[in-house]
Amino acid sequence: LPDTIEELIKFHLLMFNARTCEGHTPQLEEWLNGYFRTHVIKTSLQMPSPPHTFPNSVQSFLRSLVSNNPPLGHTLLSCLTVTENAQYLLNNETLQLIYIDCIDTSLSKIETEGEE
């Protein structure tokens, strides 16, 4: 299989596994699929300029996924990261902040439980 088809299949399998996560909707999956096709593997006919920013609903879903299923969440965030283009720095930072938010939330829960 060509690399782009293989990557697309892997992405669809990840999204299939993510369907049980809180916050998943068909529209959200469609948005992520469009982002992946347009900006990561560049199979869309649309020119990816400028890159989309991640809507709050997508960020919330990704945060939930990382919190509830870290291996799946990490793999999906890695798939959405575009490393070879400086134009995507803001988007990549947004994805990295999802990890930080999840760590902060976990630490807050630990502190709260420790106080009780």
PDB file of N, CA and C in Angstrom:
ATOM      1  N   LEU A   1       0.832  -1.195   0.000  1.00  0.00           N
ATOM      2  CA  LEU A   1       0.000   0.000   0.000  1.00  0.00           C
ATOM      3  C   LEU A   1       0.875   1.257   0.000  1.00  0.00           C
ATOM      4  N   PRO A   2       0.453   2.285  -0.711  1.00  0.00           N
ATOM      5  CA  PRO A   2       1.169   3.567  -0.621  1.00  0.00           C
ATOM      6  C   PRO A   2       1.119   4.108   0.810  1.00  0.00           C
ATOM      7  N   ASP A   3       2.153   4.843   1.191  1.00  0.00           N
ATOM      8  CA  ASP A   3       2.246   5.353   2.560  1.00  0.00           C
ATOM      9  C   ASP A   3       1.025   6.160   2.981  1.00  0.00           C
ATOM     10  N   THR A   4       0.502   7.017   2.094  1.00  0.00           N
ATOM     11  CA  THR A   4      -0.643   7.854   2.479  1.00  0.00           C
ATOM     12  C   THR A   4      -1.877   7.004   2.761  1.00  0.00           C
ATOM     13  N   ILE A   5      -2.074   5.942   2.001  1.00  0.00           N
ATOM     14  CA  ILE A   5      -3.232   5.073   2.240  1.00  0.00           C
ATOM     15  C   ILE A   5      -3.053   4.334   3.566  1.00  0.00           C
ATOM     16  N   GLU A   6      -1.836   3.883   3.821  1.00  0.00           N
ATOM     17  CA  GLU A   6      -1.555   3.196   5.081  1.00  0.00           C
ATOM     18  C   GLU A   6      -1.796   4.132   6.270  1.00  0.00           C
ATOM     19  N   GLU A   7      -1.318   5.371   6.166  1.00  0.00           N
ATOM     20  CA  GLU A   7      -1.524   6.358   7.234  1.00  0.00           C
ATOM     21  C   GLU A   7      -3.012   6.650   7.430  1.00  0.00           C
ATOM     22  N   LEU A   8      -3.741   6.768   6.346  1.00  0.00           N
ATOM     23  CA  LEU A   8      -5.173   7.039   6.424  1.00  0.00           C
ATOM     24  C   LEU A   8      -5.915   5.878   7.086  1.00  0.00           C
ATOM     25  N   ILE A   9      -5.558   4.663   6.757  1.00  0.00           N
ATOM     26  CA  ILE A   9      -6.178   3.492   7.378  1.00  0.00           C
ATOM     27  C   ILE A   9      -5.893   3.475   8.878  1.00  0.00           C
ATOM     28  N   LYS A  10      -4.656   3.732   9.258  1.00  0.00           N
ATOM     29  CA  LYS A  10      -4.297   3.780  10.677  1.00  0.00           C
ATOM     30  C   LYS A  10      -5.095   4.853  11.408  1.00  0.00           C
ATOM     31  N   PHE A  11      -5.231   6.016  10.758  1.00  0.00           N
ATOM     32  CA  PHE A  11      -5.991   7.098  11.375  1.00  0.00           C
ATOM     33  C   PHE A  11      -7.457   6.711  11.557  1.00  0.00           C
ATOM     34  N   HIS A  12      -8.044   6.093  10.552  1.00  0.00           N
ATOM     35  CA  HIS A  12      -9.446   5.662  10.660  1.00  0.00           C
ATOM     36  C   HIS A  12      -9.622   4.616  11.754  1.00  0.00           C
ATOM     37  N   LEU A  13      -8.659   3.735  11.923  1.00  0.00           N
ATOM     38  CA  LEU A  13      -8.731   2.753  13.012  1.00  0.00           C
ATOM     39  C   LEU A  13      -8.641   3.434  14.372  1.00  0.00           C
ATOM     40  N   LEU A  14      -7.781   4.437  14.484  1.00  0.00           N
ATOM     41  CA  LEU A  14      -7.708   5.207  15.728  1.00  0.00           C
ATOM     42  C   LEU A  14      -9.041   5.883  16.031  1.00  0.00           C
ATOM     43  N   MET A  15      -9.611   6.513  15.014  1.00  0.00           N
ATOM     44  CA  MET A  15     -10.893   7.194  15.219  1.00  0.00           C
ATOM     45  C   MET A  15     -12.007   6.196  15.547  1.00  0.00           C
ATOM     46  N   PHE A  16     -11.967   5.029  14.955  1.00  0.00           N
ATOM     47  CA  PHE A  16     -12.954   3.997  15.279  1.00  0.00           C
ATOM     48  C   PHE A  16     -12.855   3.640  16.760  1.00  0.00           C
ATOM     49  N   ASN A  17     -11.642   3.471  17.255  1.00  0.00           N
ATOM     50  CA  ASN A  17     -11.442   3.139  18.667  1.00  0.00           C
ATOM     51  C   ASN A  17     -11.817   4.291  19.593  1.00  0.00           C
ATOM     52  N   ALA A  18     -11.753   5.506  19.089  1.00  0.00           N
ATOM     53  CA  ALA A  18     -12.059   6.683  19.905  1.00  0.00           C
ATOM     54  C   ALA A  18     -13.559   6.973  19.983  1.00  0.00           C
ATOM     55  N   ARG A  19     -14.357   6.256  19.224  1.00  0.00           N
ATOM     56  CA  ARG A  19     -15.797   6.546  19.192  1.00  0.00           C
ATOM     57  C   ARG A  19     -16.489   6.350  20.527  1.00  0.00           C
ATOM     58  N   THR A  20     -15.936   5.540  21.405  1.00  0.00           N
ATOM     59  CA  THR A  20     -16.566   5.310  22.701  1.00  0.00           C
ATOM     60  C   THR A  20     -16.191   6.373  23.725  1.00  0.00           C
ATOM     61  N   CYS A  21     -15.276   7.253  23.376  1.00  0.00           N
ATOM     62  CA  CYS A  21     -14.825   8.274  24.311  1.00  0.00           C
ATOM     63  C   CYS A  21     -15.856   9.391  24.447  1.00  0.00           C
ATOM     64  N   GLU A  22     -15.956   9.904  25.655  1.00  0.00           N
ATOM     65  CA  GLU A  22     -16.881  11.003  25.937  1.00  0.00           C
ATOM     66  C   GLU A  22     -16.591  12.193  25.035  1.00  0.00           C
ATOM     67  N   GLY A  23     -17.626  12.737  24.448  1.00  0.00           N
ATOM     68  CA  GLY A  23     -17.482  13.918  23.603  1.00  0.00           C
ATOM     69  C   GLY A  23     -17.378  13.613  22.122  1.00  0.00           C
ATOM     70  N   HIS A  24     -17.277  12.340  21.771  1.00  0.00           N
ATOM     71  CA  HIS A  24     -17.173  11.984  20.351  1.00  0.00           C
ATOM     72  C   HIS A  24     -18.505  12.250  19.646  1.00  0.00           C
ATOM     73  N   THR A  25     -18.430  12.861  18.482  1.00  0.00           N
ATOM     74  CA  THR A  25     -19.598  13.039  17.623  1.00  0.00           C
ATOM     75  C   THR A  25     -19.156  12.775  16.185  1.00  0.00           C
ATOM     76  N   PRO A  26     -20.098  12.430  15.320  1.00  0.00           N
ATOM     77  CA  PRO A  26     -19.733  12.252  13.907  1.00  0.00           C
ATOM     78  C   PRO A  26     -19.140  13.523  13.298  1.00  0.00           C
ATOM     79  N   GLN A  27     -19.632  14.694  13.705  1.00  0.00           N
ATOM     80  CA  GLN A  27     -19.119  15.956  13.177  1.00  0.00           C
ATOM     81  C   GLN A  27     -17.672  16.176  13.614  1.00  0.00           C
ATOM     82  N   LEU A  28     -17.384  15.837  14.848  1.00  0.00           N
ATOM     83  CA  LEU A  28     -16.029  15.974  15.355  1.00  0.00           C
ATOM     84  C   LEU A  28     -15.092  15.028  14.602  1.00  0.00           C
ATOM     85  N   GLU A  29     -15.535  13.802  14.388  1.00  0.00           N
ATOM     86  CA  GLU A  29     -14.726  12.844  13.642  1.00  0.00           C
ATOM     87  C   GLU A  29     -14.494  13.327  12.208  1.00  0.00           C
ATOM     88  N   GLU A  30     -15.518  13.906  11.611  1.00  0.00           N
ATOM     89  CA  GLU A  30     -15.388  14.441  10.252  1.00  0.00           C
ATOM     90  C   GLU A  30     -14.377  15.594  10.217  1.00  0.00           C
ATOM     91  N   TRP A  31     -14.414  16.467  11.231  1.00  0.00           N
ATOM     92  CA  TRP A  31     -13.478  17.579  11.292  1.00  0.00           C
ATOM     93  C   TRP A  31     -12.047  17.058  11.414  1.00  0.00           C
ATOM     94  N   LEU A  32     -11.831  16.109  12.337  1.00  0.00           N
ATOM     95  CA  LEU A  32     -10.491  15.550  12.524  1.00  0.00           C
ATOM     96  C   LEU A  32     -10.009  14.831  11.271  1.00  0.00           C
ATOM     97  N   ASN A  33     -10.904  14.118  10.615  1.00  0.00           N
ATOM     98  CA  ASN A  33     -10.549  13.437   9.368  1.00  0.00           C
ATOM     99  C   ASN A  33     -10.143  14.459   8.301  1.00  0.00           C
ATOM    100  N   GLY A  34     -10.889  15.545   8.198  1.00  0.00           N
ATOM    101  CA  GLY A  34     -10.563  16.600   7.238  1.00  0.00           C
ATOM    102  C   GLY A  34      -9.219  17.246   7.543  1.00  0.00           C
ATOM    103  N   TYR A  35      -8.963  17.500   8.825  1.00  0.00           N
ATOM    104  CA  TYR A  35      -7.682  18.089   9.221  1.00  0.00           C
ATOM    105  C   TYR A  35      -6.545  17.134   8.855  1.00  0.00           C
ATOM    106  N   PHE A  36      -6.722  15.865   9.182  1.00  0.00           N
ATOM    107  CA  PHE A  36      -5.683  14.874   8.905  1.00  0.00           C
ATOM    108  C   PHE A  36      -5.405  14.781   7.405  1.00  0.00           C
ATOM    109  N   ARG A  37      -6.472  14.712   6.608  1.00  0.00           N
ATOM    110  CA  ARG A  37      -6.296  14.600   5.150  1.00  0.00           C
ATOM    111  C   ARG A  37      -5.666  15.857   4.550  1.00  0.00           C
ATOM    112  N   THR A  38      -6.115  17.012   4.997  1.00  0.00           N
ATOM    113  CA  THR A  38      -5.666  18.279   4.408  1.00  0.00           C
ATOM    114  C   THR A  38      -4.275  18.686   4.880  1.00  0.00           C
ATOM    115  N   HIS A  39      -4.018  18.540   6.164  1.00  0.00           N
ATOM    116  CA  HIS A  39      -2.803  19.111   6.730  1.00  0.00           C
ATOM    117  C   HIS A  39      -1.708  18.104   7.052  1.00  0.00           C
ATOM    118  N   VAL A  40      -2.081  16.864   7.331  1.00  0.00           N
ATOM    119  CA  VAL A  40      -1.064  15.891   7.721  1.00  0.00           C
ATOM    120  C   VAL A  40      -0.593  15.080   6.512  1.00  0.00           C
ATOM    121  N   ILE A  41      -1.533  14.437   5.821  1.00  0.00           N
ATOM    122  CA  ILE A  41      -1.104  13.634   4.666  1.00  0.00           C
ATOM    123  C   ILE A  41      -1.332  14.352   3.341  1.00  0.00           C
ATOM    124  N   LYS A  42      -1.982  15.490   3.402  1.00  0.00           N
ATOM    125  CA  LYS A  42      -2.146  16.386   2.244  1.00  0.00           C
ATOM    126  C   LYS A  42      -2.747  15.696   1.010  1.00  0.00           C
ATOM    127  N   THR A  43      -3.880  14.988   1.236  1.00  0.00           N
ATOM    128  CA  THR A  43      -4.562  14.352   0.115  1.00  0.00           C
ATOM    129  C   THR A  43      -5.772  15.153  -0.342  1.00  0.00           C
ATOM    130  N   SER A  44      -6.128  16.185   0.403  1.00  0.00           N
ATOM    131  CA  SER A  44      -7.276  17.001   0.030  1.00  0.00           C
ATOM    132  C   SER A  44      -6.915  17.893  -1.151  1.00  0.00           C
ATOM    133  N   LEU A  45      -7.904  18.230  -1.955  1.00  0.00           N
ATOM    134  CA  LEU A  45      -7.678  19.124  -3.081  1.00  0.00           C
ATOM    135  C   LEU A  45      -7.553  20.580  -2.637  1.00  0.00           C
ATOM    136  N   GLN A  46      -8.002  20.857  -1.405  1.00  0.00           N
ATOM    137  CA  GLN A  46      -7.916  22.221  -0.877  1.00  0.00           C
ATOM    138  C   GLN A  46      -6.471  22.525  -0.478  1.00  0.00           C
ATOM    139  N   MET A  47      -6.068  23.743  -0.699  1.00  0.00           N
ATOM    140  CA  MET A  47      -4.741  24.154  -0.259  1.00  0.00           C
ATOM    141  C   MET A  47      -4.799  24.472   1.236  1.00  0.00           C
ATOM    142  N   PRO A  48      -3.911  23.897   2.015  1.00  0.00           N
ATOM    143  CA  PRO A  48      -3.955  24.087   3.468  1.00  0.00           C
ATOM    144  C   PRO A  48      -3.282  25.374   3.935  1.00  0.00           C
ATOM    145  N   SER A  49      -3.821  26.515   3.508  1.00  0.00           N
ATOM    146  CA  SER A  49      -3.226  27.763   3.926  1.00  0.00           C
ATOM    147  C   SER A  49      -4.327  28.731   4.325  1.00  0.00           C
ATOM    148  N   PRO A  50      -4.334  29.281   5.507  1.00  0.00           N
ATOM    149  CA  PRO A  50      -3.526  28.891   6.654  1.00  0.00           C
ATOM    150  C   PRO A  50      -4.114  27.649   7.328  1.00  0.00           C
ATOM    151  N   PRO A  51      -3.356  27.016   8.220  1.00  0.00           N
ATOM    152  CA  PRO A  51      -3.885  25.820   8.876  1.00  0.00           C
ATOM    153  C   PRO A  51      -5.076  26.152   9.758  1.00  0.00           C
ATOM    154  N   HIS A  52      -6.011  25.216   9.868  1.00  0.00           N
ATOM    155  CA  HIS A  52      -7.142  25.387  10.792  1.00  0.00           C
ATOM    156  C   HIS A  52      -6.586  25.439  12.214  1.00  0.00           C
ATOM    157  N   THR A  53      -7.298  26.108  13.083  1.00  0.00           N
ATOM    158  CA  THR A  53      -6.995  25.967  14.499  1.00  0.00           C
ATOM    159  C   THR A  53      -7.972  24.939  15.054  1.00  0.00           C
ATOM    160  N   PHE A  54      -7.621  24.317  16.146  1.00  0.00           N
ATOM    161  CA  PHE A  54      -8.484  23.289  16.720  1.00  0.00           C
ATOM    162  C   PHE A  54      -9.625  23.949  17.490  1.00  0.00           C
ATOM    163  N   PRO A  55     -10.875  23.688  17.087  1.00  0.00           N
ATOM    164  CA  PRO A  55     -12.012  24.248  17.828  1.00  0.00           C
ATOM    165  C   PRO A  55     -12.033  23.729  19.276  1.00  0.00           C
ATOM    166  N   ASN A  56     -12.697  24.458  20.148  1.00  0.00           N
ATOM    167  CA  ASN A  56     -12.792  24.054  21.552  1.00  0.00           C
ATOM    168  C   ASN A  56     -13.383  22.661  21.711  1.00  0.00           C
ATOM    169  N   SER A  57     -14.381  22.323  20.895  1.00  0.00           N
ATOM    170  CA  SER A  57     -15.003  20.997  21.012  1.00  0.00           C
ATOM    171  C   SER A  57     -14.002  19.892  20.688  1.00  0.00           C
ATOM    172  N   VAL A  58     -13.139  20.121  19.718  1.00  0.00           N
ATOM    173  CA  VAL A  58     -12.113  19.141  19.357  1.00  0.00           C
ATOM    174  C   VAL A  58     -11.086  19.041  20.481  1.00  0.00           C
ATOM    175  N   GLN A  59     -10.658  20.179  21.015  1.00  0.00           N
ATOM    176  CA  GLN A  59      -9.695  20.161  22.115  1.00  0.00           C
ATOM    177  C   GLN A  59     -10.265  19.434  23.328  1.00  0.00           C
ATOM    178  N   SER A  60     -11.522  19.677  23.620  1.00  0.00           N
ATOM    179  CA  SER A  60     -12.173  19.025  24.758  1.00  0.00           C
ATOM    180  C   SER A  60     -12.229  17.509  24.556  1.00  0.00           C
ATOM    181  N   PHE A  61     -12.582  17.085  23.359  1.00  0.00           N
ATOM    182  CA  PHE A  61     -12.622  15.660  23.049  1.00  0.00           C
ATOM    183  C   PHE A  61     -11.231  15.040  23.195  1.00  0.00           C
ATOM    184  N   LEU A  62     -10.219  15.700  22.648  1.00  0.00           N
ATOM    185  CA  LEU A  62      -8.859  15.169  22.725  1.00  0.00           C
ATOM    186  C   LEU A  62      -8.383  15.102  24.177  1.00  0.00           C
ATOM    187  N   ARG A  63      -8.756  16.100  24.974  1.00  0.00           N
ATOM    188  CA  ARG A  63      -8.414  16.100  26.399  1.00  0.00           C
ATOM    189  C   ARG A  63      -9.057  14.904  27.101  1.00  0.00           C
ATOM    190  N   SER A  64     -10.315  14.664  26.794  1.00  0.00           N
ATOM    191  CA  SER A  64     -11.029  13.525  27.373  1.00  0.00           C
ATOM    192  C   SER A  64     -10.388  12.207  26.948  1.00  0.00           C
ATOM    193  N   LEU A  65      -9.997  12.128  25.702  1.00  0.00           N
ATOM    194  CA  LEU A  65      -9.377  10.915  25.183  1.00  0.00           C
ATOM    195  C   LEU A  65      -8.036  10.654  25.863  1.00  0.00           C
ATOM    196  N   VAL A  66      -7.220  11.683  26.000  1.00  0.00           N
ATOM    197  CA  VAL A  66      -5.916  11.520  26.657  1.00  0.00           C
ATOM    198  C   VAL A  66      -6.102  11.132  28.129  1.00  0.00           C
ATOM    199  N   SER A  67      -7.090  11.722  28.783  1.00  0.00           N
ATOM    200  CA  SER A  67      -7.326  11.419  30.202  1.00  0.00           C
ATOM    201  C   SER A  67      -7.841   9.999  30.407  1.00  0.00           C
ATOM    202  N   ASN A  68      -8.747   9.564  29.549  1.00  0.00           N
ATOM    203  CA  ASN A  68      -9.408   8.271  29.741  1.00  0.00           C
ATOM    204  C   ASN A  68      -8.713   7.103  29.067  1.00  0.00           C
ATOM    205  N   ASN A  69      -7.952   7.365  28.021  1.00  0.00           N
ATOM    206  CA  ASN A  69      -7.239   6.311  27.314  1.00  0.00           C
ATOM    207  C   ASN A  69      -5.910   6.895  26.819  1.00  0.00           C
ATOM    208  N   PRO A  70      -4.942   7.051  27.736  1.00  0.00           N
ATOM    209  CA  PRO A  70      -3.685   7.719  27.368  1.00  0.00           C
ATOM    210  C   PRO A  70      -2.973   7.146  26.145  1.00  0.00           C
ATOM    211  N   PRO A  71      -2.859   5.826  25.981  1.00  0.00           N
ATOM    212  CA  PRO A  71      -2.164   5.343  24.776  1.00  0.00           C
ATOM    213  C   PRO A  71      -2.858   5.758  23.476  1.00  0.00           C
ATOM    214  N   LEU A  72      -4.172   5.629  23.441  1.00  0.00           N
ATOM    215  CA  LEU A  72      -4.928   6.022  22.254  1.00  0.00           C
ATOM    216  C   LEU A  72      -4.856   7.529  22.040  1.00  0.00           C
ATOM    217  N   GLY A  73      -5.017   8.293  23.118  1.00  0.00           N
ATOM    218  CA  GLY A  73      -4.944   9.748  23.016  1.00  0.00           C
ATOM    219  C   GLY A  73      -3.591  10.216  22.528  1.00  0.00           C
ATOM    220  N   HIS A  74      -2.532   9.631  23.068  1.00  0.00           N
ATOM    221  CA  HIS A  74      -1.180  10.004  22.641  1.00  0.00           C
ATOM    222  C   HIS A  74      -0.967   9.691  21.160  1.00  0.00           C
ATOM    223  N   THR A  75      -1.415   8.522  20.739  1.00  0.00           N
ATOM    224  CA  THR A  75      -1.235   8.131  19.339  1.00  0.00           C
ATOM    225  C   THR A  75      -1.997   9.076  18.419  1.00  0.00           C
ATOM    226  N   LEU A  76      -3.213   9.451  18.798  1.00  0.00           N
ATOM    227  CA  LEU A  76      -3.995  10.369  17.972  1.00  0.00           C
ATOM    228  C   LEU A  76      -3.355  11.756  17.930  1.00  0.00           C
ATOM    229  N   LEU A  77      -2.893  12.259  19.076  1.00  0.00           N
ATOM    230  CA  LEU A  77      -2.219  13.568  19.078  1.00  0.00           C
ATOM    231  C   LEU A  77      -0.966  13.526  18.219  1.00  0.00           C
ATOM    232  N   SER A  78      -0.242  12.427  18.278  1.00  0.00           N
ATOM    233  CA  SER A  78       0.963  12.287  17.454  1.00  0.00           C
ATOM    234  C   SER A  78       0.618  12.308  15.969  1.00  0.00           C
ATOM    235  N   CYS A  79      -0.494  11.671  15.612  1.00  0.00           N
ATOM    236  CA  CYS A  79      -0.931  11.658  14.207  1.00  0.00           C
ATOM    237  C   CYS A  79      -1.307  13.049  13.716  1.00  0.00           C
ATOM    238  N   LEU A  80      -1.804  13.886  14.602  1.00  0.00           N
ATOM    239  CA  LEU A  80      -2.275  15.214  14.210  1.00  0.00           C
ATOM    240  C   LEU A  80      -1.162  16.263  14.210  1.00  0.00           C
ATOM    241  N   THR A  81       0.006  15.921  14.724  1.00  0.00           N
ATOM    242  CA  THR A  81       1.127  16.853  14.801  1.00  0.00           C
ATOM    243  C   THR A  81       1.838  16.928  13.453  1.00  0.00           C
ATOM    244  N   VAL A  82       2.024  18.147  12.966  1.00  0.00           N
ATOM    245  CA  VAL A  82       2.724  18.374  11.699  1.00  0.00           C
ATOM    246  C   VAL A  82       4.081  18.974  12.050  1.00  0.00           C
ATOM    247  N   THR A  83       5.138  18.179  11.914  1.00  0.00           N
ATOM    248  CA  THR A  83       6.452  18.619  12.388  1.00  0.00           C
ATOM    249  C   THR A  83       7.306  19.302  11.330  1.00  0.00           C
ATOM    250  N   GLU A  84       7.037  19.052  10.056  1.00  0.00           N
ATOM    251  CA  GLU A  84       7.941  19.561   9.024  1.00  0.00           C
ATOM    252  C   GLU A  84       7.571  20.946   8.498  1.00  0.00           C
ATOM    253  N   ASN A  85       6.660  21.631   9.156  1.00  0.00           N
ATOM    254  CA  ASN A  85       6.223  22.924   8.651  1.00  0.00           C
ATOM    255  C   ASN A  85       6.001  23.891   9.818  1.00  0.00           C
ATOM    256  N   ALA A  86       6.770  24.966   9.848  1.00  0.00           N
ATOM    257  CA  ALA A  86       6.689  25.935  10.943  1.00  0.00           C
ATOM    258  C   ALA A  86       5.325  26.623  11.021  1.00  0.00           C
ATOM    259  N   GLN A  87       4.560  26.599   9.936  1.00  0.00           N
ATOM    260  CA  GLN A  87       3.209  27.179   9.923  1.00  0.00           C
ATOM    261  C   GLN A  87       2.307  26.523  10.971  1.00  0.00           C
ATOM    262  N   TYR A  88       2.638  25.309  11.362  1.00  0.00           N
ATOM    263  CA  TYR A  88       1.788  24.530  12.266  1.00  0.00           C
ATOM    264  C   TYR A  88       2.219  24.630  13.721  1.00  0.00           C
ATOM    265  N   LEU A  89       3.138  25.544  14.016  1.00  0.00           N
ATOM    266  CA  LEU A  89       3.643  25.666  15.379  1.00  0.00           C
ATOM    267  C   LEU A  89       2.518  25.903  16.387  1.00  0.00           C
ATOM    268  N   LEU A  90       1.599  26.814  16.094  1.00  0.00           N
ATOM    269  CA  LEU A  90       0.496  27.100  17.015  1.00  0.00           C
ATOM    270  C   LEU A  90      -0.376  25.862  17.225  1.00  0.00           C
ATOM    271  N   ASN A  91      -0.697  25.157  16.150  1.00  0.00           N
ATOM    272  CA  ASN A  91      -1.509  23.943  16.289  1.00  0.00           C
ATOM    273  C   ASN A  91      -0.778  22.885  17.102  1.00  0.00           C
ATOM    274  N   ASN A  92       0.516  22.720  16.842  1.00  0.00           N
ATOM    275  CA  ASN A  92       1.287  21.736  17.594  1.00  0.00           C
ATOM    276  C   ASN A  92       1.362  22.107  19.072  1.00  0.00           C
ATOM    277  N   GLU A  93       1.493  23.396  19.358  1.00  0.00           N
ATOM    278  CA  GLU A  93       1.498  23.850  20.748  1.00  0.00           C
ATOM    279  C   GLU A  93       0.153  23.577  21.407  1.00  0.00           C
ATOM    280  N   THR A  94      -0.933  23.779  20.673  1.00  0.00           N
ATOM    281  CA  THR A  94      -2.262  23.483  21.196  1.00  0.00           C
ATOM    282  C   THR A  94      -2.365  22.009  21.572  1.00  0.00           C
ATOM    283  N   LEU A  95      -1.845  21.142  20.709  1.00  0.00           N
ATOM    284  CA  LEU A  95      -1.874  19.711  21.002  1.00  0.00           C
ATOM    285  C   LEU A  95      -1.027  19.389  22.236  1.00  0.00           C
ATOM    286  N   GLN A  96       0.130  20.029  22.376  1.00  0.00           N
ATOM    287  CA  GLN A  96       0.980  19.779  23.541  1.00  0.00           C
ATOM    288  C   GLN A  96       0.329  20.296  24.825  1.00  0.00           C
ATOM    289  N   LEU A  97      -0.413  21.396  24.726  1.00  0.00           N
ATOM    290  CA  LEU A  97      -1.110  21.932  25.905  1.00  0.00           C
ATOM    291  C   LEU A  97      -2.185  20.983  26.410  1.00  0.00           C
ATOM    292  N   ILE A  98      -2.694  20.128  25.541  1.00  0.00           N
ATOM    293  CA  ILE A  98      -3.677  19.125  25.976  1.00  0.00           C
ATOM    294  C   ILE A  98      -3.031  18.185  26.992  1.00  0.00           C
ATOM    295  N   TYR A  99      -1.796  17.784  26.741  1.00  0.00           N
ATOM    296  CA  TYR A  99      -1.080  16.951  27.713  1.00  0.00           C
ATOM    297  C   TYR A  99      -0.947  17.682  29.049  1.00  0.00           C
ATOM    298  N   ILE A 100      -0.553  18.946  28.985  1.00  0.00           N
ATOM    299  CA  ILE A 100      -0.341  19.731  30.199  1.00  0.00           C
ATOM    300  C   ILE A 100      -1.642  19.881  30.971  1.00  0.00           C
ATOM    301  N   ASP A 101      -2.747  20.156  30.267  1.00  0.00           N
ATOM    302  CA  ASP A 101      -4.054  20.260  30.922  1.00  0.00           C
ATOM    303  C   ASP A 101      -4.422  18.958  31.624  1.00  0.00           C
ATOM    304  N   CYS A 102      -4.166  17.837  30.973  1.00  0.00           N
ATOM    305  CA  CYS A 102      -4.494  16.532  31.566  1.00  0.00           C
ATOM    306  C   CYS A 102      -3.638  16.264  32.801  1.00  0.00           C
ATOM    307  N   ILE A 103      -2.377  16.621  32.734  1.00  0.00           N
ATOM    308  CA  ILE A 103      -1.486  16.446  33.895  1.00  0.00           C
ATOM    309  C   ILE A 103      -1.944  17.336  35.044  1.00  0.00           C
ATOM    310  N   ASP A 104      -2.269  18.600  34.747  1.00  0.00           N
ATOM    311  CA  ASP A 104      -2.751  19.522  35.782  1.00  0.00           C
ATOM    312  C   ASP A 104      -4.025  18.997  36.436  1.00  0.00           C
ATOM    313  N   THR A 105      -4.949  18.486  35.634  1.00  0.00           N
ATOM    314  CA  THR A 105      -6.199  17.948  36.162  1.00  0.00           C
ATOM    315  C   THR A 105      -5.934  16.749  37.069  1.00  0.00           C
ATOM    316  N   SER A 106      -5.057  15.875  36.631  1.00  0.00           N
ATOM    317  CA  SER A 106      -4.721  14.694  37.444  1.00  0.00           C
ATOM    318  C   SER A 106      -4.061  15.102  38.759  1.00  0.00           C
ATOM    319  N   LEU A 107      -3.147  16.055  38.701  1.00  0.00           N
ATOM    320  CA  LEU A 107      -2.485  16.522  39.924  1.00  0.00           C
ATOM    321  C   LEU A 107      -3.481  17.185  40.878  1.00  0.00           C
ATOM    322  N   SER A 108      -4.421  17.941  40.338  1.00  0.00           N
ATOM    323  CA  SER A 108      -5.449  18.574  41.173  1.00  0.00           C
ATOM    324  C   SER A 108      -6.302  17.525  41.872  1.00  0.00           C
ATOM    325  N   LYS A 109      -6.642  16.460  41.150  1.00  0.00           N
ATOM    326  CA  LYS A 109      -7.431  15.371  41.766  1.00  0.00           C
ATOM    327  C   LYS A 109      -6.649  14.701  42.886  1.00  0.00           C
ATOM    328  N   ILE A 110      -5.366  14.500  42.669  1.00  0.00           N
ATOM    329  CA  ILE A 110      -4.524  13.871  43.691  1.00  0.00           C
ATOM    330  C   ILE A 110      -4.442  14.768  44.925  1.00  0.00           C
ATOM    331  N   GLU A 111      -4.260  16.082  44.712  1.00  0.00           N
ATOM    332  CA  GLU A 111      -4.191  17.020  45.827  1.00  0.00           C
ATOM    333  C   GLU A 111      -5.501  17.046  46.600  1.00  0.00           C
ATOM    334  N   THR A 112      -6.616  17.047  45.886  1.00  0.00           N
ATOM    335  CA  THR A 112      -7.937  17.071  46.519  1.00  0.00           C
ATOM    336  C   THR A 112      -8.155  15.810  47.346  1.00  0.00           C
ATOM    337  N   GLU A 113      -7.794  14.666  46.803  1.00  0.00           N
ATOM    338  CA  GLU A 113      -7.956  13.408  47.522  1.00  0.00           C
ATOM    339  C   GLU A 113      -7.040  13.361  48.732  1.00  0.00           C
ATOM    340  N   GLY A 114      -5.871  13.959  48.636  1.00  0.00           N
ATOM    341  CA  GLY A 114      -4.931  13.981  49.748  1.00  0.00           C
ATOM    342  C   GLY A 114      -5.398  14.853  50.901  1.00  0.00           C
ATOM    343  N   GLU A 115      -6.205  15.869  50.608  1.00  0.00           N
ATOM    344  CA  GLU A 115      -6.711  16.775  51.633  1.00  0.00           C
ATOM    345  C   GLU A 115      -7.868  16.184  52.407  1.00  0.00           C
ATOM    346  N   GLU A 116      -8.518  15.180  51.853  1.00  0.00           N
ATOM    347  CA  GLU A 116      -9.708  14.618  52.512  1.00  0.00           C
ATOM    348  C   GLU A 116      -9.368  13.679  53.605  1.00  0.00           C
TER     349      GLU A 116
END
